[in-house]
Amino acid sequence: MEVLFTLLAHRYEHRSVLLTSNLVFSQWESIFKDPMTTAAAIDRVVHHSVILELNVPSYRMAAAQKQHGTLAHESAPTEALATV
């Protein structure tokens, strides 16, 4: 996703960015087109950042499962929050 990379590159060391993701950094290659762009995006996100890893069940996943009549699974994805 080149738009996300462009945003990160433009705001890098100039403005704050708040990201939430249920993907660990090793899975970010599915977002960007190539490994070099992925590495550059991760570098910009983690440099000067505070990363909070929330090891709790996803509220959105639980709400969606409740709406569809299924039980929330204990191993629902966790979310990470990075502020740059």
PDB file of N, CA and C in Angstrom:
ATOM      1  N   MET A   1       0.855  -1.164   0.000  1.00  0.00           N
ATOM      2  CA  MET A   1       0.000   0.000   0.000  1.00  0.00           C
ATOM      3  C   MET A   1       0.906   1.233   0.000  1.00  0.00           C
ATOM      4  N   GLU A   2       1.092   1.802  -1.146  1.00  0.00           N
ATOM      5  CA  GLU A   2       2.009   2.916  -1.285  1.00  0.00           C
ATOM      6  C   GLU A   2       1.506   4.183  -0.607  1.00  0.00           C
ATOM      7  N   VAL A   3       0.202   4.335  -0.466  1.00  0.00           N
ATOM      8  CA  VAL A   3      -0.347   5.523   0.186  1.00  0.00           C
ATOM      9  C   VAL A   3       0.087   5.565   1.647  1.00  0.00           C
ATOM     10  N   LEU A   4       0.022   4.436   2.337  1.00  0.00           N
ATOM     11  CA  LEU A   4       0.447   4.371   3.734  1.00  0.00           C
ATOM     12  C   LEU A   4       1.930   4.682   3.855  1.00  0.00           C
ATOM     13  N   PHE A   5       2.746   4.113   2.965  1.00  0.00           N
ATOM     14  CA  PHE A   5       4.175   4.382   3.019  1.00  0.00           C
ATOM     15  C   PHE A   5       4.455   5.867   2.772  1.00  0.00           C
ATOM     16  N   THR A   6       3.755   6.463   1.811  1.00  0.00           N
ATOM     17  CA  THR A   6       3.942   7.883   1.512  1.00  0.00           C
ATOM     18  C   THR A   6       3.580   8.741   2.721  1.00  0.00           C
ATOM     19  N   LEU A   7       2.494   8.393   3.400  1.00  0.00           N
ATOM     20  CA  LEU A   7       2.103   9.112   4.608  1.00  0.00           C
ATOM     21  C   LEU A   7       3.174   9.000   5.685  1.00  0.00           C
ATOM     22  N   LEU A   8       3.651   7.776   5.917  1.00  0.00           N
ATOM     23  CA  LEU A   8       4.684   7.569   6.934  1.00  0.00           C
ATOM     24  C   LEU A   8       5.962   8.329   6.585  1.00  0.00           C
ATOM     25  N   ALA A   9       6.362   8.288   5.319  1.00  0.00           N
ATOM     26  CA  ALA A   9       7.583   8.975   4.889  1.00  0.00           C
ATOM     27  C   ALA A   9       7.430  10.489   5.010  1.00  0.00           C
ATOM     28  N   HIS A  10       6.250  11.005   4.666  1.00  0.00           N
ATOM     29  CA  HIS A  10       6.016  12.449   4.714  1.00  0.00           C
ATOM     30  C   HIS A  10       6.022  12.964   6.150  1.00  0.00           C
ATOM     31  N   ARG A  11       5.433  12.220   7.062  1.00  0.00           N
ATOM     32  CA  ARG A  11       5.313  12.665   8.446  1.00  0.00           C
ATOM     33  C   ARG A  11       6.508  12.274   9.311  1.00  0.00           C
ATOM     34  N   TYR A  12       7.395  11.440   8.784  1.00  0.00           N
ATOM     35  CA  TYR A  12       8.551  10.943   9.536  1.00  0.00           C
ATOM     36  C   TYR A  12       9.383  12.109  10.083  1.00  0.00           C
ATOM     37  N   GLU A  13       9.557  12.154  11.380  1.00  0.00           N
ATOM     38  CA  GLU A  13      10.306  13.153  12.129  1.00  0.00           C
ATOM     39  C   GLU A  13       9.738  14.568  12.006  1.00  0.00           C
ATOM     40  N   HIS A  14       8.497  14.716  11.521  1.00  0.00           N
ATOM     41  CA  HIS A  14       7.861  16.029  11.433  1.00  0.00           C
ATOM     42  C   HIS A  14       6.568  16.095  12.239  1.00  0.00           C
ATOM     43  N   ARG A  15       5.765  15.060  12.173  1.00  0.00           N
ATOM     44  CA  ARG A  15       4.465  15.035  12.837  1.00  0.00           C
ATOM     45  C   ARG A  15       4.249  13.664  13.480  1.00  0.00           C
ATOM     46  N   SER A  16       3.271  13.597  14.358  1.00  0.00           N
ATOM     47  CA  SER A  16       2.935  12.336  15.015  1.00  0.00           C
ATOM     48  C   SER A  16       2.037  11.478  14.137  1.00  0.00           C
ATOM     49  N   VAL A  17       2.145  10.168  14.341  1.00  0.00           N
ATOM     50  CA  VAL A  17       1.293   9.198  13.661  1.00  0.00           C
ATOM     51  C   VAL A  17       0.859   8.177  14.702  1.00  0.00           C
ATOM     52  N   LEU A  18      -0.391   7.815  14.683  1.00  0.00           N
ATOM     53  CA  LEU A  18      -0.909   6.783  15.576  1.00  0.00           C
ATOM     54  C   LEU A  18      -1.394   5.632  14.709  1.00  0.00           C
ATOM     55  N   LEU A  19      -0.861   4.442  14.940  1.00  0.00           N
ATOM     56  CA  LEU A  19      -1.236   3.263  14.171  1.00  0.00           C
ATOM     57  C   LEU A  19      -1.733   2.179  15.112  1.00  0.00           C
ATOM     58  N   THR A  20      -2.735   1.466  14.676  1.00  0.00           N
ATOM     59  CA  THR A  20      -3.127   0.243  15.371  1.00  0.00           C
ATOM     60  C   THR A  20      -3.118  -0.873  14.342  1.00  0.00           C
ATOM     61  N   SER A  21      -2.727  -2.046  14.782  1.00  0.00           N
ATOM     62  CA  SER A  21      -2.671  -3.173  13.864  1.00  0.00           C
ATOM     63  C   SER A  21      -2.807  -4.468  14.639  1.00  0.00           C
ATOM     64  N   ASN A  22      -3.406  -5.450  13.997  1.00  0.00           N
ATOM     65  CA  ASN A  22      -3.432  -6.781  14.586  1.00  0.00           C
ATOM     66  C   ASN A  22      -2.384  -7.670  13.919  1.00  0.00           C
ATOM     67  N   LEU A  23      -1.514  -7.051  13.110  1.00  0.00           N
ATOM     68  CA  LEU A  23      -0.430  -7.784  12.467  1.00  0.00           C
ATOM     69  C   LEU A  23       0.891  -7.479  13.157  1.00  0.00           C
ATOM     70  N   VAL A  24       1.690  -8.501  13.374  1.00  0.00           N
ATOM     71  CA  VAL A  24       3.050  -8.275  13.863  1.00  0.00           C
ATOM     72  C   VAL A  24       3.885  -7.779  12.679  1.00  0.00           C
ATOM     73  N   PHE A  25       5.016  -7.140  12.967  1.00  0.00           N
ATOM     74  CA  PHE A  25       5.820  -6.557  11.894  1.00  0.00           C
ATOM     75  C   PHE A  25       6.248  -7.576  10.841  1.00  0.00           C
ATOM     76  N   SER A  26       6.465  -8.809  11.236  1.00  0.00           N
ATOM     77  CA  SER A  26       6.877  -9.838  10.264  1.00  0.00           C
ATOM     78  C   SER A  26       5.780 -10.149   9.249  1.00  0.00           C
ATOM     79  N   GLN A  27       4.557  -9.752   9.522  1.00  0.00           N
ATOM     80  CA  GLN A  27       3.448  -9.967   8.591  1.00  0.00           C
ATOM     81  C   GLN A  27       3.141  -8.737   7.740  1.00  0.00           C
ATOM     82  N   TRP A  28       3.895  -7.662   7.899  1.00  0.00           N
ATOM     83  CA  TRP A  28       3.641  -6.439   7.155  1.00  0.00           C
ATOM     84  C   TRP A  28       3.998  -6.564   5.675  1.00  0.00           C
ATOM     85  N   GLU A  29       4.708  -7.607   5.285  1.00  0.00           N
ATOM     86  CA  GLU A  29       5.002  -7.799   3.860  1.00  0.00           C
ATOM     87  C   GLU A  29       3.727  -8.039   3.068  1.00  0.00           C
ATOM     88  N   SER A  30       2.655  -8.421   3.731  1.00  0.00           N
ATOM     89  CA  SER A  30       1.382  -8.593   3.034  1.00  0.00           C
ATOM     90  C   SER A  30       0.713  -7.252   2.734  1.00  0.00           C
ATOM     91  N   ILE A  31       1.184  -6.171   3.359  1.00  0.00           N
ATOM     92  CA  ILE A  31       0.619  -4.846   3.153  1.00  0.00           C
ATOM     93  C   ILE A  31       1.330  -4.112   2.014  1.00  0.00           C
ATOM     94  N   PHE A  32       2.657  -4.180   2.011  1.00  0.00           N
ATOM     95  CA  PHE A  32       3.456  -3.441   1.041  1.00  0.00           C
ATOM     96  C   PHE A  32       3.895  -4.349  -0.103  1.00  0.00           C
ATOM     97  N   LYS A  33       4.269  -3.746  -1.221  1.00  0.00           N
ATOM     98  CA  LYS A  33       4.566  -4.511  -2.431  1.00  0.00           C
ATOM     99  C   LYS A  33       5.869  -5.301  -2.378  1.00  0.00           C
ATOM    100  N   ASP A  34       6.871  -4.767  -1.700  1.00  0.00           N
ATOM    101  CA  ASP A  34       8.156  -5.447  -1.697  1.00  0.00           C
ATOM    102  C   ASP A  34       8.817  -5.346  -0.329  1.00  0.00           C
ATOM    103  N   PRO A  35       9.788  -6.217  -0.073  1.00  0.00           N
ATOM    104  CA  PRO A  35      10.451  -6.242   1.241  1.00  0.00           C
ATOM    105  C   PRO A  35      11.182  -4.944   1.588  1.00  0.00           C
ATOM    106  N   MET A  36      11.725  -4.241   0.595  1.00  0.00           N
ATOM    107  CA  MET A  36      12.443  -2.983   0.877  1.00  0.00           C
ATOM    108  C   MET A  36      11.472  -1.908   1.381  1.00  0.00           C
ATOM    109  N   THR A  37      10.310  -1.802   0.775  1.00  0.00           N
ATOM    110  CA  THR A  37       9.308  -0.836   1.223  1.00  0.00           C
ATOM    111  C   THR A  37       8.809  -1.207   2.610  1.00  0.00           C
ATOM    112  N   THR A  38       8.622  -2.494   2.841  1.00  0.00           N
ATOM    113  CA  THR A  38       8.181  -2.965   4.152  1.00  0.00           C
ATOM    114  C   THR A  38       9.199  -2.597   5.221  1.00  0.00           C
ATOM    115  N   ALA A  39      10.471  -2.869   4.959  1.00  0.00           N
ATOM    116  CA  ALA A  39      11.525  -2.554   5.925  1.00  0.00           C
ATOM    117  C   ALA A  39      11.606  -1.052   6.190  1.00  0.00           C
ATOM    118  N   ALA A  40      11.484  -0.245   5.135  1.00  0.00           N
ATOM    119  CA  ALA A  40      11.542   1.210   5.304  1.00  0.00           C
ATOM    120  C   ALA A  40      10.353   1.710   6.120  1.00  0.00           C
ATOM    121  N   ALA A  41       9.174   1.175   5.874  1.00  0.00           N
ATOM    122  CA  ALA A  41       7.981   1.579   6.627  1.00  0.00           C
ATOM    123  C   ALA A  41       8.123   1.206   8.102  1.00  0.00           C
ATOM    124  N   ILE A  42       8.572  -0.008   8.368  1.00  0.00           N
ATOM    125  CA  ILE A  42       8.760  -0.445   9.759  1.00  0.00           C
ATOM    126  C   ILE A  42       9.810   0.421  10.446  1.00  0.00           C
ATOM    127  N   ASP A  43      10.889   0.744   9.729  1.00  0.00           N
ATOM    128  CA  ASP A  43      11.939   1.591  10.286  1.00  0.00           C
ATOM    129  C   ASP A  43      11.377   2.946  10.700  1.00  0.00           C
ATOM    130  N   ARG A  44      10.548   3.536   9.862  1.00  0.00           N
ATOM    131  CA  ARG A  44       9.962   4.841  10.171  1.00  0.00           C
ATOM    132  C   ARG A  44       8.965   4.749  11.327  1.00  0.00           C
ATOM    133  N   VAL A  45       8.280   3.639  11.434  1.00  0.00           N
ATOM    134  CA  VAL A  45       7.304   3.475  12.517  1.00  0.00           C
ATOM    135  C   VAL A  45       8.000   3.284  13.864  1.00  0.00           C
ATOM    136  N   VAL A  46       9.034   2.475  13.915  1.00  0.00           N
ATOM    137  CA  VAL A  46       9.638   2.156  15.213  1.00  0.00           C
ATOM    138  C   VAL A  46      10.652   3.191  15.693  1.00  0.00           C
ATOM    139  N   HIS A  47      11.195   4.004  14.796  1.00  0.00           N
ATOM    140  CA  HIS A  47      12.167   5.018  15.195  1.00  0.00           C
ATOM    141  C   HIS A  47      11.448   6.131  15.950  1.00  0.00           C
ATOM    142  N   HIS A  48      11.902   6.476  17.120  1.00  0.00           N
ATOM    143  CA  HIS A  48      11.296   7.489  17.991  1.00  0.00           C
ATOM    144  C   HIS A  48       9.867   7.122  18.405  1.00  0.00           C
ATOM    145  N   SER A  49       9.545   5.859  18.512  1.00  0.00           N
ATOM    146  CA  SER A  49       8.163   5.490  18.813  1.00  0.00           C
ATOM    147  C   SER A  49       8.021   4.835  20.179  1.00  0.00           C
ATOM    148  N   VAL A  50       6.805   4.770  20.605  1.00  0.00           N
ATOM    149  CA  VAL A  50       6.413   4.009  21.778  1.00  0.00           C
ATOM    150  C   VAL A  50       5.461   2.944  21.264  1.00  0.00           C
ATOM    151  N   ILE A  51       5.789   1.687  21.508  1.00  0.00           N
ATOM    152  CA  ILE A  51       4.950   0.584  21.039  1.00  0.00           C
ATOM    153  C   ILE A  51       4.311  -0.076  22.251  1.00  0.00           C
ATOM    154  N   LEU A  52       3.003  -0.128  22.226  1.00  0.00           N
ATOM    155  CA  LEU A  52       2.244  -0.785  23.288  1.00  0.00           C
ATOM    156  C   LEU A  52       1.616  -2.038  22.702  1.00  0.00           C
ATOM    157  N   GLU A  53       1.996  -3.173  23.232  1.00  0.00           N
ATOM    158  CA  GLU A  53       1.404  -4.428  22.779  1.00  0.00           C
ATOM    159  C   GLU A  53       0.340  -4.826  23.781  1.00  0.00           C
ATOM    160  N   LEU A  54      -0.873  -4.906  23.297  1.00  0.00           N
ATOM    161  CA  LEU A  54      -2.005  -5.236  24.155  1.00  0.00           C
ATOM    162  C   LEU A  54      -2.340  -6.712  23.967  1.00  0.00           C
ATOM    163  N   ASN A  55      -2.028  -7.504  24.947  1.00  0.00           N
ATOM    164  CA  ASN A  55      -2.296  -8.940  24.883  1.00  0.00           C
ATOM    165  C   ASN A  55      -3.658  -9.254  25.497  1.00  0.00           C
ATOM    166  N   VAL A  56      -4.667  -8.676  24.892  1.00  0.00           N
ATOM    167  CA  VAL A  56      -6.050  -8.891  25.320  1.00  0.00           C
ATOM    168  C   VAL A  56      -6.866  -9.276  24.098  1.00  0.00           C
ATOM    169  N   PRO A  57      -7.972  -9.966  24.295  1.00  0.00           N
ATOM    170  CA  PRO A  57      -8.820 -10.297  23.149  1.00  0.00           C
ATOM    171  C   PRO A  57      -9.337  -9.041  22.455  1.00  0.00           C
ATOM    172  N   SER A  58      -9.512  -9.116  21.177  1.00  0.00           N
ATOM    173  CA  SER A  58     -10.004  -8.001  20.381  1.00  0.00           C
ATOM    174  C   SER A  58     -11.478  -7.751  20.685  1.00  0.00           C
ATOM    175  N   TYR A  59     -11.808  -6.531  21.062  1.00  0.00           N
ATOM    176  CA  TYR A  59     -13.203  -6.180  21.319  1.00  0.00           C
ATOM    177  C   TYR A  59     -14.013  -6.226  20.037  1.00  0.00           C
ATOM    178  N   ARG A  60     -13.435  -5.805  18.921  1.00  0.00           N
ATOM    179  CA  ARG A  60     -14.149  -5.839  17.649  1.00  0.00           C
ATOM    180  C   ARG A  60     -14.457  -7.267  17.231  1.00  0.00           C
ATOM    181  N   MET A  61     -13.514  -8.169  17.448  1.00  0.00           N
ATOM    182  CA  MET A  61     -13.732  -9.567  17.098  1.00  0.00           C
ATOM    183  C   MET A  61     -14.834 -10.156  17.970  1.00  0.00           C
ATOM    184  N   ALA A  62     -14.801  -9.864  19.262  1.00  0.00           N
ATOM    185  CA  ALA A  62     -15.821 -10.386  20.170  1.00  0.00           C
ATOM    186  C   ALA A  62     -17.203  -9.833  19.816  1.00  0.00           C
ATOM    187  N   ALA A  63     -17.274  -8.541  19.487  1.00  0.00           N
ATOM    188  CA  ALA A  63     -18.558  -7.938  19.123  1.00  0.00           C
ATOM    189  C   ALA A  63     -19.091  -8.532  17.828  1.00  0.00           C
ATOM    190  N   ALA A  64     -18.210  -8.750  16.859  1.00  0.00           N
ATOM    191  CA  ALA A  64     -18.644  -9.340  15.588  1.00  0.00           C
ATOM    192  C   ALA A  64     -19.125 -10.767  15.793  1.00  0.00           C
ATOM    193  N   GLN A  65     -18.418 -11.530  16.618  1.00  0.00           N
ATOM    194  CA  GLN A  65     -18.824 -12.908  16.882  1.00  0.00           C
ATOM    195  C   GLN A  65     -20.142 -12.947  17.653  1.00  0.00           C
ATOM    196  N   LYS A  66     -20.324 -12.012  18.575  1.00  0.00           N
ATOM    197  CA  LYS A  66     -21.573 -11.953  19.330  1.00  0.00           C
ATOM    198  C   LYS A  66     -22.740 -11.606  18.399  1.00  0.00           C
ATOM    199  N   GLN A  67     -22.504 -10.688  17.471  1.00  0.00           N
ATOM    200  CA  GLN A  67     -23.539 -10.281  16.529  1.00  0.00           C
ATOM    201  C   GLN A  67     -23.927 -11.433  15.607  1.00  0.00           C
ATOM    202  N   HIS A  68     -22.961 -12.271  15.273  1.00  0.00           N
ATOM    203  CA  HIS A  68     -23.222 -13.392  14.371  1.00  0.00           C
ATOM    204  C   HIS A  68     -23.593 -14.673  15.126  1.00  0.00           C
ATOM    205  N   GLY A  69     -23.694 -14.576  16.458  1.00  0.00           N
ATOM    206  CA  GLY A  69     -24.147 -15.707  17.247  1.00  0.00           C
ATOM    207  C   GLY A  69     -23.092 -16.763  17.529  1.00  0.00           C
ATOM    208  N   THR A  70     -21.817 -16.430  17.355  1.00  0.00           N
ATOM    209  CA  THR A  70     -20.752 -17.377  17.676  1.00  0.00           C
ATOM    210  C   THR A  70     -20.076 -16.929  18.957  1.00  0.00           C
ATOM    211  N   LEU A  71     -19.427 -17.846  19.630  1.00  0.00           N
ATOM    212  CA  LEU A  71     -18.727 -17.531  20.863  1.00  0.00           C
ATOM    213  C   LEU A  71     -17.366 -16.939  20.560  1.00  0.00           C
ATOM    214  N   ALA A  72     -16.960 -15.983  21.376  1.00  0.00           N
ATOM    215  CA  ALA A  72     -15.631 -15.389  21.220  1.00  0.00           C
ATOM    216  C   ALA A  72     -14.581 -16.440  21.546  1.00  0.00           C
ATOM    217  N   HIS A  73     -13.591 -16.553  20.718  1.00  0.00           N
ATOM    218  CA  HIS A  73     -12.518 -17.519  20.900  1.00  0.00           C
ATOM    219  C   HIS A  73     -11.432 -16.895  21.762  1.00  0.00           C
ATOM    220  N   GLU A  74     -10.889 -17.664  22.693  1.00  0.00           N
ATOM    221  CA  GLU A  74      -9.895 -17.125  23.613  1.00  0.00           C
ATOM    222  C   GLU A  74      -8.631 -16.665  22.912  1.00  0.00           C
ATOM    223  N   SER A  75      -8.328 -17.214  21.756  1.00  0.00           N
ATOM    224  CA  SER A  75      -7.091 -16.835  21.075  1.00  0.00           C
ATOM    225  C   SER A  75      -7.358 -15.813  19.978  1.00  0.00           C
ATOM    226  N   ALA A  76      -8.309 -14.919  20.213  1.00  0.00           N
ATOM    227  CA  ALA A  76      -8.596 -13.860  19.248  1.00  0.00           C
ATOM    228  C   ALA A  76      -7.359 -13.000  19.074  1.00  0.00           C
ATOM    229  N   PRO A  77      -7.187 -12.414  17.901  1.00  0.00           N
ATOM    230  CA  PRO A  77      -5.986 -11.621  17.642  1.00  0.00           C
ATOM    231  C   PRO A  77      -5.829 -10.476  18.631  1.00  0.00           C
ATOM    232  N   THR A  78      -4.590 -10.173  18.943  1.00  0.00           N
ATOM    233  CA  THR A  78      -4.302  -9.033  19.792  1.00  0.00           C
ATOM    234  C   THR A  78      -3.980  -7.851  18.906  1.00  0.00           C
ATOM    235  N   GLU A  79      -3.986  -6.678  19.486  1.00  0.00           N
ATOM    236  CA  GLU A  79      -3.694  -5.489  18.722  1.00  0.00           C
ATOM    237  C   GLU A  79      -2.458  -4.815  19.295  1.00  0.00           C
ATOM    238  N   ALA A  80      -1.705  -4.176  18.438  1.00  0.00           N
ATOM    239  CA  ALA A  80      -0.545  -3.403  18.849  1.00  0.00           C
ATOM    240  C   ALA A  80      -0.799  -1.955  18.494  1.00  0.00           C
ATOM    241  N   LEU A  81      -0.305  -1.072  19.318  1.00  0.00           N
ATOM    242  CA  LEU A  81      -0.478   0.348  19.111  1.00  0.00           C
ATOM    243  C   LEU A  81       0.893   0.973  19.064  1.00  0.00           C
ATOM    244  N   ALA A  82       1.170   1.721  18.020  1.00  0.00           N
ATOM    245  CA  ALA A  82       2.449   2.417  17.914  1.00  0.00           C
ATOM    246  C   ALA A  82       2.181   3.891  17.761  1.00  0.00           C
ATOM    247  N   THR A  83       2.822   4.684  18.588  1.00  0.00           N
ATOM    248  CA  THR A  83       2.739   6.127  18.429  1.00  0.00           C
ATOM    249  C   THR A  83       4.117   6.623  18.054  1.00  0.00           C
ATOM    250  N   VAL A  84       4.172   7.434  17.051  1.00  0.00           N
ATOM    251  CA  VAL A  84       5.444   7.936  16.553  1.00  0.00           C
ATOM    252  C   VAL A  84       5.499   9.425  16.771  1.00  0.00           C
TER     253      VAL A  84
END
